[in-house]
């Protein structure tokens, strides 16, 4: 790799840490924490409204006593490997899933003669980083049901395709793919190129993970995070699981492998894995919150997409073009999505009470 390309990649790695914040600021969703009103409904970032588990909180507090020491990934790596029944060499811990996605893009999609295939709309970090590297981005529209169209994605793959990105369940739509169809797609496409499967929302569905494929297939990369169901978004901990050789390629791009996550963050993540009761509670409460919103959307005849994540995607037909700003004026933060010229709202799930508050506000805003 020449010096020019290395400098370009280094700059992207630095910038990737700020991707989420920059996007939030551009869309009016970000404010400094100290400036947020206490009664604000924070429904814009798919966070866990129940905080984090008591075990993780206790682990963080204990780890604060060791903050004068550099962290070591070994314990958390072993915990993640045991949790997913993979070898420790298959785990690459990162600063949130965004860094894992950026590392995958930089490792496998860095040549301007190549392209990447992705759905649209979907989570943008992987395709955005690849695009900034000069790689052509091929966007495949979702089906009418807002599901990723695997057949059209497969048809778009050519000899120039460096990687394919699939987010399942998909963000922002919350839709999921049938596991057999996804497994078959990944098995076939990975014979030709790298397939990155973003499983950040996998804890919200009852389906097998594709992680077992990584043991023998170097062209499959699975992305996970502690930011959603585990309630550790502020600690910035994610990870990739892949073949050991693939992990080496990604880890080689990290500035200081093994010490880029804080002591409290690592301790919290390790403890969170052991508190599956908290995970189950969060998933069940998420379903309850979704039902609160579904009930109103059905009543108001507003089209929505049944969700398998901690969000709901519904049409903004009949709402003012100033919908996001009007919501902000009512102390609600959420996201609007331009879906091929159609306006949709992606709202994160708060507690059932918060969703009832949101519904009351929503009732006053439709023309």
Protein backbone atom coordinates (compact mmCIF):
# COMPACT_ATOMS: atom_id res chain seq x y z
CA UNK A 1 0.00 0.00 0.00
CA UNK A 2 1.46 3.38 -0.96
CA UNK A 3 1.75 6.33 1.39
CA UNK A 4 -1.06 8.27 -0.26
CA UNK A 5 -3.57 5.44 0.17
CA UNK A 6 -2.45 4.84 3.74
CA UNK A 7 -2.96 8.50 4.66
CA UNK A 8 -6.41 8.37 3.07
CA UNK A 9 -7.34 5.27 5.05
CA UNK A 10 -5.94 6.72 8.30
CA UNK A 11 -8.05 9.83 7.85
CA UNK A 12 -11.14 7.71 7.28
CA UNK A 13 -10.48 5.66 10.39
CA UNK A 14 -10.25 8.85 12.43
CA UNK A 15 -13.37 10.28 10.82
CA UNK A 16 -15.38 7.09 11.28
CA UNK A 17 -15.41 7.58 15.05
CA UNK A 18 -17.48 10.70 14.48
CA UNK A 19 -19.83 9.35 11.81
CA UNK A 20 -22.82 8.86 14.11
CA UNK A 21 -22.49 12.24 15.82
CA UNK A 22 -21.95 14.09 12.56
CA UNK A 23 -25.03 12.47 11.02
CA UNK A 24 -27.12 13.30 14.06
CA UNK A 25 -26.00 16.93 13.97
CA UNK A 26 -26.80 17.21 10.26
CA UNK A 27 -30.33 15.91 10.83
CA UNK A 28 -30.99 18.02 13.90
CA UNK A 29 -31.00 15.03 16.23
CA UNK A 30 -27.91 15.85 18.27
CA UNK A 31 -27.59 18.17 21.24
CA UNK A 32 -24.96 18.19 24.00
CA UNK A 33 -26.23 16.06 26.87
CA UNK A 34 -26.16 18.99 29.28
CA UNK A 35 -28.49 20.97 27.00
CA UNK A 36 -31.21 18.31 26.76
CA UNK A 37 -34.44 19.11 28.60
CA UNK A 38 -35.35 16.54 31.24
CA UNK A 39 -38.76 15.84 29.71
CA UNK A 40 -37.38 15.26 26.21
CA UNK A 41 -38.58 12.11 24.42
CA UNK A 42 -35.34 10.71 22.97
CA UNK A 43 -36.70 8.51 20.20
CA UNK A 44 -34.07 9.10 17.54
CA UNK A 45 -31.14 6.74 18.15
CA UNK A 46 -32.58 3.27 18.91
CA UNK A 47 -31.21 3.33 22.46
CA UNK A 48 -32.40 1.10 25.30
CA UNK A 49 -34.76 3.26 27.43
CA UNK A 50 -34.24 0.96 30.45
CA UNK A 51 -30.60 1.88 30.92
CA UNK A 52 -28.16 -0.98 31.41
CA UNK A 53 -28.23 -3.98 33.68
CA UNK A 54 -27.39 -3.69 37.37
CA UNK A 55 -24.55 -6.20 36.84
CA UNK A 56 -23.00 -4.06 34.12
CA UNK A 57 -23.36 -0.92 36.23
CA UNK A 58 -21.64 -2.57 39.18
CA UNK A 59 -18.83 -3.80 36.93
CA UNK A 60 -18.30 -0.29 35.56
CA UNK A 61 -18.08 1.19 39.04
CA UNK A 62 -15.52 -1.42 40.09
CA UNK A 63 -13.48 -0.87 36.93
CA UNK A 64 -13.20 2.85 37.65
CA UNK A 65 -10.64 1.96 40.30
CA UNK A 66 -8.38 0.64 37.52
CA UNK A 67 -8.65 3.65 35.21
CA UNK A 68 -5.02 4.56 35.86
CA UNK A 69 -4.09 1.37 33.98
CA UNK A 70 -4.33 0.62 30.28
CA UNK A 71 -7.12 -1.84 29.44
CA UNK A 72 -6.62 -5.30 28.03
CA UNK A 73 -9.11 -6.93 25.66
CA UNK A 74 -8.37 -10.51 26.72
CA UNK A 75 -11.21 -10.96 29.23
CA UNK A 76 -13.89 -9.43 27.03
CA UNK A 77 -12.60 -11.28 23.97
CA UNK A 78 -12.85 -14.58 25.82
CA UNK A 79 -16.36 -13.72 27.10
CA UNK A 80 -17.61 -12.85 23.61
CA UNK A 81 -16.00 -15.94 22.11
CA UNK A 82 -17.60 -18.19 24.74
CA UNK A 83 -20.99 -16.49 24.33
CA UNK A 84 -21.00 -17.15 20.58
CA UNK A 85 -19.08 -20.43 20.74
CA UNK A 86 -16.24 -19.29 18.49
CA UNK A 87 -12.47 -19.11 18.89
CA UNK A 88 -11.06 -15.99 20.53
CA UNK A 89 -9.05 -15.37 17.35
CA UNK A 90 -12.34 -14.79 15.53
CA UNK A 91 -13.28 -11.74 17.63
CA UNK A 92 -12.31 -8.15 16.80
CA UNK A 93 -13.46 -5.67 19.48
CA UNK A 94 -14.13 -2.13 18.30
CA UNK A 95 -15.40 1.25 19.46
CA UNK A 96 -19.03 0.53 18.65
CA UNK A 97 -20.32 -1.31 15.60
CA UNK A 98 -19.60 1.77 13.48
CA UNK A 99 -15.86 1.24 13.86
CA UNK A 100 -16.23 -2.45 13.00
CA UNK A 101 -18.14 -1.52 9.84
CA UNK A 102 -15.55 1.12 8.93
CA UNK A 103 -12.72 -1.36 9.43
CA UNK A 104 -14.48 -3.89 7.20
CA UNK A 105 -14.99 -1.30 4.47
CA UNK A 106 -11.36 -0.17 4.61
CA UNK A 107 -10.03 -3.73 4.71
CA UNK A 108 -12.07 -5.07 1.81
CA UNK A 109 -13.36 -2.15 -0.31
CA UNK A 110 -10.44 0.18 -0.94
CA UNK A 111 -9.88 0.02 -4.70
CA UNK A 112 -11.56 2.62 -6.91
CA UNK A 113 -12.05 0.06 -9.68
CA UNK A 114 -14.42 -1.88 -7.42
CA UNK A 115 -18.00 -1.54 -6.18
CA UNK A 116 -20.01 -2.52 -3.15
CA UNK A 117 -23.62 -3.73 -3.21
CA UNK A 118 -26.01 -2.61 -0.48
CA UNK A 119 -29.72 -2.11 0.14
CA UNK A 120 -31.37 1.31 0.37
CA UNK A 121 -32.48 2.54 2.81
CA UNK A 122 -30.21 0.81 5.30
CA UNK A 123 -27.61 1.69 7.93
CA UNK A 124 -25.09 3.87 6.11
CA UNK A 125 -21.69 3.51 7.79
CA UNK A 126 -20.32 0.65 5.70
CA UNK A 127 -21.48 1.99 2.30
CA UNK A 128 -20.54 5.58 3.20
CA UNK A 129 -16.97 4.68 4.19
CA UNK A 130 -16.55 2.56 1.05
CA UNK A 131 -17.86 5.44 -1.05
CA UNK A 132 -15.42 7.87 0.56
CA UNK A 133 -12.63 5.48 -0.39
CA UNK A 134 -13.67 5.94 -4.01
CA UNK A 135 -15.53 2.65 -4.38
CA UNK A 136 -18.72 2.76 -6.43
CA UNK A 137 -21.85 2.18 -4.39
CA UNK A 138 -24.68 0.15 -5.92
CA UNK A 139 -27.94 0.70 -4.03
CA UNK A 140 -30.72 -1.87 -4.35
CA UNK A 141 -34.22 -0.65 -3.39
CA UNK A 142 -36.17 -2.62 -0.81
CA UNK A 143 -39.22 -4.61 -1.77
CA UNK A 144 -42.71 -3.10 -1.49
CA UNK A 145 -42.84 -4.61 2.01
CA UNK A 146 -39.57 -2.76 2.86
CA UNK A 147 -37.57 -5.98 3.03
CA UNK A 148 -34.04 -6.29 1.62
CA UNK A 149 -34.29 -7.75 -1.88
CA UNK A 150 -31.72 -10.56 -1.88
CA UNK A 151 -32.48 -11.64 -5.45
CA UNK A 152 -31.77 -8.19 -6.89
CA UNK A 153 -28.70 -7.80 -4.70
CA UNK A 154 -27.33 -11.13 -5.95
CA UNK A 155 -27.99 -10.07 -9.54
CA UNK A 156 -25.99 -6.87 -8.98
CA UNK A 157 -22.84 -8.68 -7.86
CA UNK A 158 -20.10 -8.73 -10.51
CA UNK A 159 -16.42 -9.57 -10.70
CA UNK A 160 -15.75 -5.96 -9.61
CA UNK A 161 -17.80 -6.27 -6.40
CA UNK A 162 -15.50 -5.94 -3.37
CA UNK A 163 -18.17 -6.59 -0.75
CA UNK A 164 -21.89 -6.92 -0.12
CA UNK A 165 -23.54 -5.41 2.95
CA UNK A 166 -26.72 -6.79 4.54
CA UNK A 167 -28.27 -5.35 7.71
CA UNK A 168 -30.63 -7.88 9.33
CA UNK A 169 -32.92 -6.82 10.93
CA UNK A 170 -32.64 -3.76 8.76
CA UNK A 171 -32.26 -0.22 10.07
CA UNK A 172 -34.33 1.98 9.49
CA UNK A 173 -37.21 -0.32 8.48
CA UNK A 174 -37.03 -2.99 11.19
CA UNK A 175 -37.74 -5.75 8.67
CA UNK A 176 -36.01 -9.12 8.78
CA UNK A 177 -35.02 -11.73 6.23
CA UNK A 178 -36.03 -15.38 6.40
CA UNK A 179 -33.01 -17.13 7.86
CA UNK A 180 -32.88 -19.89 5.23
CA UNK A 181 -32.96 -17.35 2.41
CA UNK A 182 -30.27 -15.23 4.05
CA UNK A 183 -28.09 -18.26 4.78
CA UNK A 184 -28.35 -19.42 1.17
CA UNK A 185 -27.58 -15.93 -0.13
CA UNK A 186 -24.48 -15.56 2.05
CA UNK A 187 -23.27 -19.05 1.25
CA UNK A 188 -23.43 -18.43 -2.50
CA UNK A 189 -22.28 -14.79 -2.65
CA UNK A 190 -19.36 -15.43 -0.29
CA UNK A 191 -17.93 -17.77 -2.92
CA UNK A 192 -17.40 -14.64 -5.01
CA UNK A 193 -16.78 -11.80 -2.57
CA UNK A 194 -16.90 -10.64 1.05
CA UNK A 195 -20.34 -10.47 2.68
CA UNK A 196 -20.76 -8.22 5.73
CA UNK A 197 -23.86 -9.10 7.76
CA UNK A 198 -24.84 -6.48 10.32
CA UNK A 199 -26.54 -8.30 13.22
CA UNK A 200 -26.70 -5.34 15.61
CA UNK A 201 -30.45 -5.92 16.10
CA UNK A 202 -30.28 -9.71 16.13
CA UNK A 203 -31.16 -9.94 19.84
CA UNK A 204 -34.69 -8.76 18.98
CA UNK A 205 -35.47 -11.75 16.76
CA UNK A 206 -35.87 -15.46 17.41
CA UNK A 207 -33.61 -16.84 14.69
CA UNK A 208 -30.18 -18.43 14.38
CA UNK A 209 -27.20 -16.16 13.80
CA UNK A 210 -24.91 -16.57 10.81
CA UNK A 211 -21.90 -16.54 13.14
CA UNK A 212 -21.23 -20.31 12.74
CA UNK A 213 -20.42 -19.70 9.06
CA UNK A 214 -17.35 -17.66 10.00
CA UNK A 215 -15.34 -20.60 11.38
CA UNK A 216 -14.46 -21.89 7.93
CA UNK A 217 -15.49 -19.08 5.57
CA UNK A 218 -13.06 -16.11 5.39
CA UNK A 219 -15.50 -14.11 3.27
CA UNK A 220 -18.20 -13.72 5.96
CA UNK A 221 -18.03 -10.91 8.53
CA UNK A 222 -20.67 -10.57 11.27
CA UNK A 223 -21.11 -7.26 13.10
CA UNK A 224 -22.52 -7.00 16.64
CA UNK A 225 -22.89 -4.24 19.26
CA UNK A 226 -23.55 -3.62 22.95
CA UNK A 227 -25.34 -0.35 22.11
CA UNK A 228 -28.88 -1.64 21.62
CA UNK A 229 -30.45 -4.34 23.77
CA UNK A 230 -27.54 -4.26 26.27
CA UNK A 231 -28.05 -0.53 26.89
CA UNK A 232 -24.38 0.47 26.55
CA UNK A 233 -24.58 2.93 23.65
CA UNK A 234 -22.59 5.55 25.55
CA UNK A 235 -19.74 3.13 26.24
CA UNK A 236 -19.08 2.55 22.50
CA UNK A 237 -18.41 -1.17 22.33
CA UNK A 238 -18.96 -3.29 19.26
CA UNK A 239 -17.26 -6.23 17.65
CA UNK A 240 -16.84 -8.21 14.48
CA UNK A 241 -16.79 -12.00 14.33
CA UNK A 242 -15.07 -13.52 11.32
CA UNK A 243 -12.56 -16.15 10.27
CA UNK A 244 -9.28 -15.73 12.18
CA UNK A 245 -7.44 -14.68 9.01
CA UNK A 246 -10.11 -12.09 8.27
CA UNK A 247 -9.92 -10.70 11.80
CA UNK A 248 -6.17 -10.24 11.37
CA UNK A 249 -6.78 -8.08 8.29
CA UNK A 250 -9.26 -5.89 10.16
CA UNK A 251 -7.28 -5.68 13.42
CA UNK A 252 -4.19 -4.57 11.48
CA UNK A 253 -6.02 -1.30 10.74
CA UNK A 254 -6.70 -0.46 14.40
CA UNK A 255 -4.38 2.23 15.77
CA UNK A 256 -3.52 0.31 18.97
CA UNK A 257 -5.12 -3.14 18.97
CA UNK A 258 -6.19 -4.30 22.41
CA UNK A 259 -6.43 -1.00 24.26
CA UNK A 260 -8.89 1.22 22.37
CA UNK A 261 -11.88 0.52 24.65
CA UNK A 262 -12.00 1.91 28.18
CA UNK A 263 -11.66 -0.18 31.34
CA UNK A 264 -15.27 0.56 32.44
CA UNK A 265 -16.60 -0.17 28.97
CA UNK A 266 -14.95 -3.57 28.75
CA UNK A 267 -16.03 -4.50 32.26
CA UNK A 268 -19.61 -3.45 31.55
CA UNK A 269 -19.79 -5.43 28.33
CA UNK A 270 -18.38 -8.58 29.94
CA UNK A 271 -20.90 -8.34 32.78
CA UNK A 272 -23.77 -7.51 30.41
CA UNK A 273 -23.26 -10.78 28.54
CA UNK A 274 -23.94 -12.63 31.77
CA UNK A 275 -27.21 -10.79 32.43
CA UNK A 276 -29.50 -12.36 29.85
CA UNK A 277 -32.49 -11.71 32.11
CA UNK A 278 -32.00 -8.00 31.40
CA UNK A 279 -31.87 -8.76 27.67
CA UNK A 280 -35.11 -10.74 27.81
CA UNK A 281 -36.83 -7.99 29.81
CA UNK A 282 -35.71 -5.35 27.29
CA UNK A 283 -36.98 -7.40 24.34
CA UNK A 284 -40.38 -8.03 25.95
CA UNK A 285 -40.85 -4.40 26.97
CA UNK A 286 -39.87 -3.35 23.43
CA UNK A 287 -42.72 -5.47 22.06
CA UNK A 288 -45.12 -3.84 24.52
CA UNK A 289 -44.05 -0.38 23.39
CA UNK A 290 -44.46 -1.35 19.74
CA UNK A 291 -48.02 -2.49 20.39
CA UNK A 292 -48.87 0.91 21.89
CA UNK A 293 -47.78 2.60 18.67
CA UNK A 294 -49.21 -0.05 16.33
CA UNK A 295 -52.62 0.35 17.93
CA UNK A 296 -52.75 4.05 17.11
CA UNK A 297 -51.28 3.69 13.61
CA UNK A 298 -53.96 1.10 12.77
CA UNK A 299 -56.67 3.33 14.22
CA UNK A 300 -55.43 6.34 12.21
CA UNK A 301 -54.95 4.26 9.02
CA UNK A 302 -51.26 5.19 8.84
CA UNK A 303 -49.13 2.70 6.96
CA UNK A 304 -46.43 1.13 9.08
CA UNK A 305 -44.01 -1.76 8.74
CA UNK A 306 -44.09 -4.54 11.39
CA UNK A 307 -40.73 -4.31 13.14
CA UNK A 308 -38.22 -6.83 14.44
CA UNK A 309 -35.98 -4.22 16.06
CA UNK A 310 -36.37 -1.49 18.69
CA UNK A 311 -37.89 0.95 16.20
CA UNK A 312 -40.97 1.40 14.01
CA UNK A 313 -41.06 2.72 10.42
CA UNK A 314 -44.24 4.49 9.35
CA UNK A 315 -45.36 6.65 6.45
CA UNK A 316 -45.48 10.44 6.76
CA UNK A 317 -48.16 10.87 4.10
CA UNK A 318 -50.52 13.52 5.41
CA UNK A 319 -47.96 15.05 7.78
CA UNK A 320 -46.44 18.50 7.31
CA UNK A 321 -43.03 18.79 5.65
CA UNK A 322 -41.84 20.37 8.91
CA UNK A 323 -42.65 17.16 10.81
CA UNK A 324 -39.20 16.72 12.41
CA UNK A 325 -38.97 20.37 13.42
CA UNK A 326 -42.53 20.29 14.75
CA UNK A 327 -41.66 17.24 16.82
CA UNK A 328 -38.54 18.94 18.16
CA UNK A 329 -40.68 21.91 19.20
CA UNK A 330 -42.74 19.41 21.19
CA UNK A 331 -39.55 17.98 22.77
CA UNK A 332 -39.45 14.80 20.68
CA UNK A 333 -36.32 13.67 18.83
CA UNK A 334 -36.76 11.14 16.00
CA UNK A 335 -35.69 10.57 12.39
CA UNK A 336 -37.25 11.22 9.00
CA UNK A 337 -36.13 9.06 6.06
CA UNK A 338 -36.30 9.98 2.39
CA UNK A 339 -37.18 6.59 0.91
CA UNK A 340 -36.85 7.14 -2.84
CA UNK A 341 -38.89 10.32 -2.67
CA UNK A 342 -41.37 9.03 -0.10
CA UNK A 343 -41.27 10.40 3.45
CA UNK A 344 -41.10 7.93 6.32
CA UNK A 345 -40.50 8.27 10.04
CA UNK A 346 -38.19 6.00 11.99
CA UNK A 347 -39.09 6.26 15.65
CA UNK A 348 -37.15 4.44 18.36
CA UNK A 349 -39.05 2.58 21.03
CA UNK A 350 -39.15 4.24 24.43
CA UNK A 351 -40.95 2.81 27.44
CA UNK A 352 -44.68 2.05 27.01
CA UNK A 353 -45.47 5.27 28.88
CA UNK A 354 -43.16 7.26 26.60
CA UNK A 355 -44.86 5.74 23.56
CA UNK A 356 -48.26 6.73 24.91
CA UNK A 357 -46.92 10.29 25.24
CA UNK A 358 -45.65 10.09 21.67
CA UNK A 359 -49.03 8.86 20.40
CA UNK A 360 -50.79 11.76 22.15
CA UNK A 361 -48.48 14.19 20.38
CA UNK A 362 -48.84 12.37 17.05
CA UNK A 363 -52.63 12.70 17.22
CA UNK A 364 -52.32 16.50 17.10
CA UNK A 365 -50.02 16.65 14.06
CA UNK A 366 -51.72 14.92 11.16
CA UNK A 367 -53.51 17.16 8.71
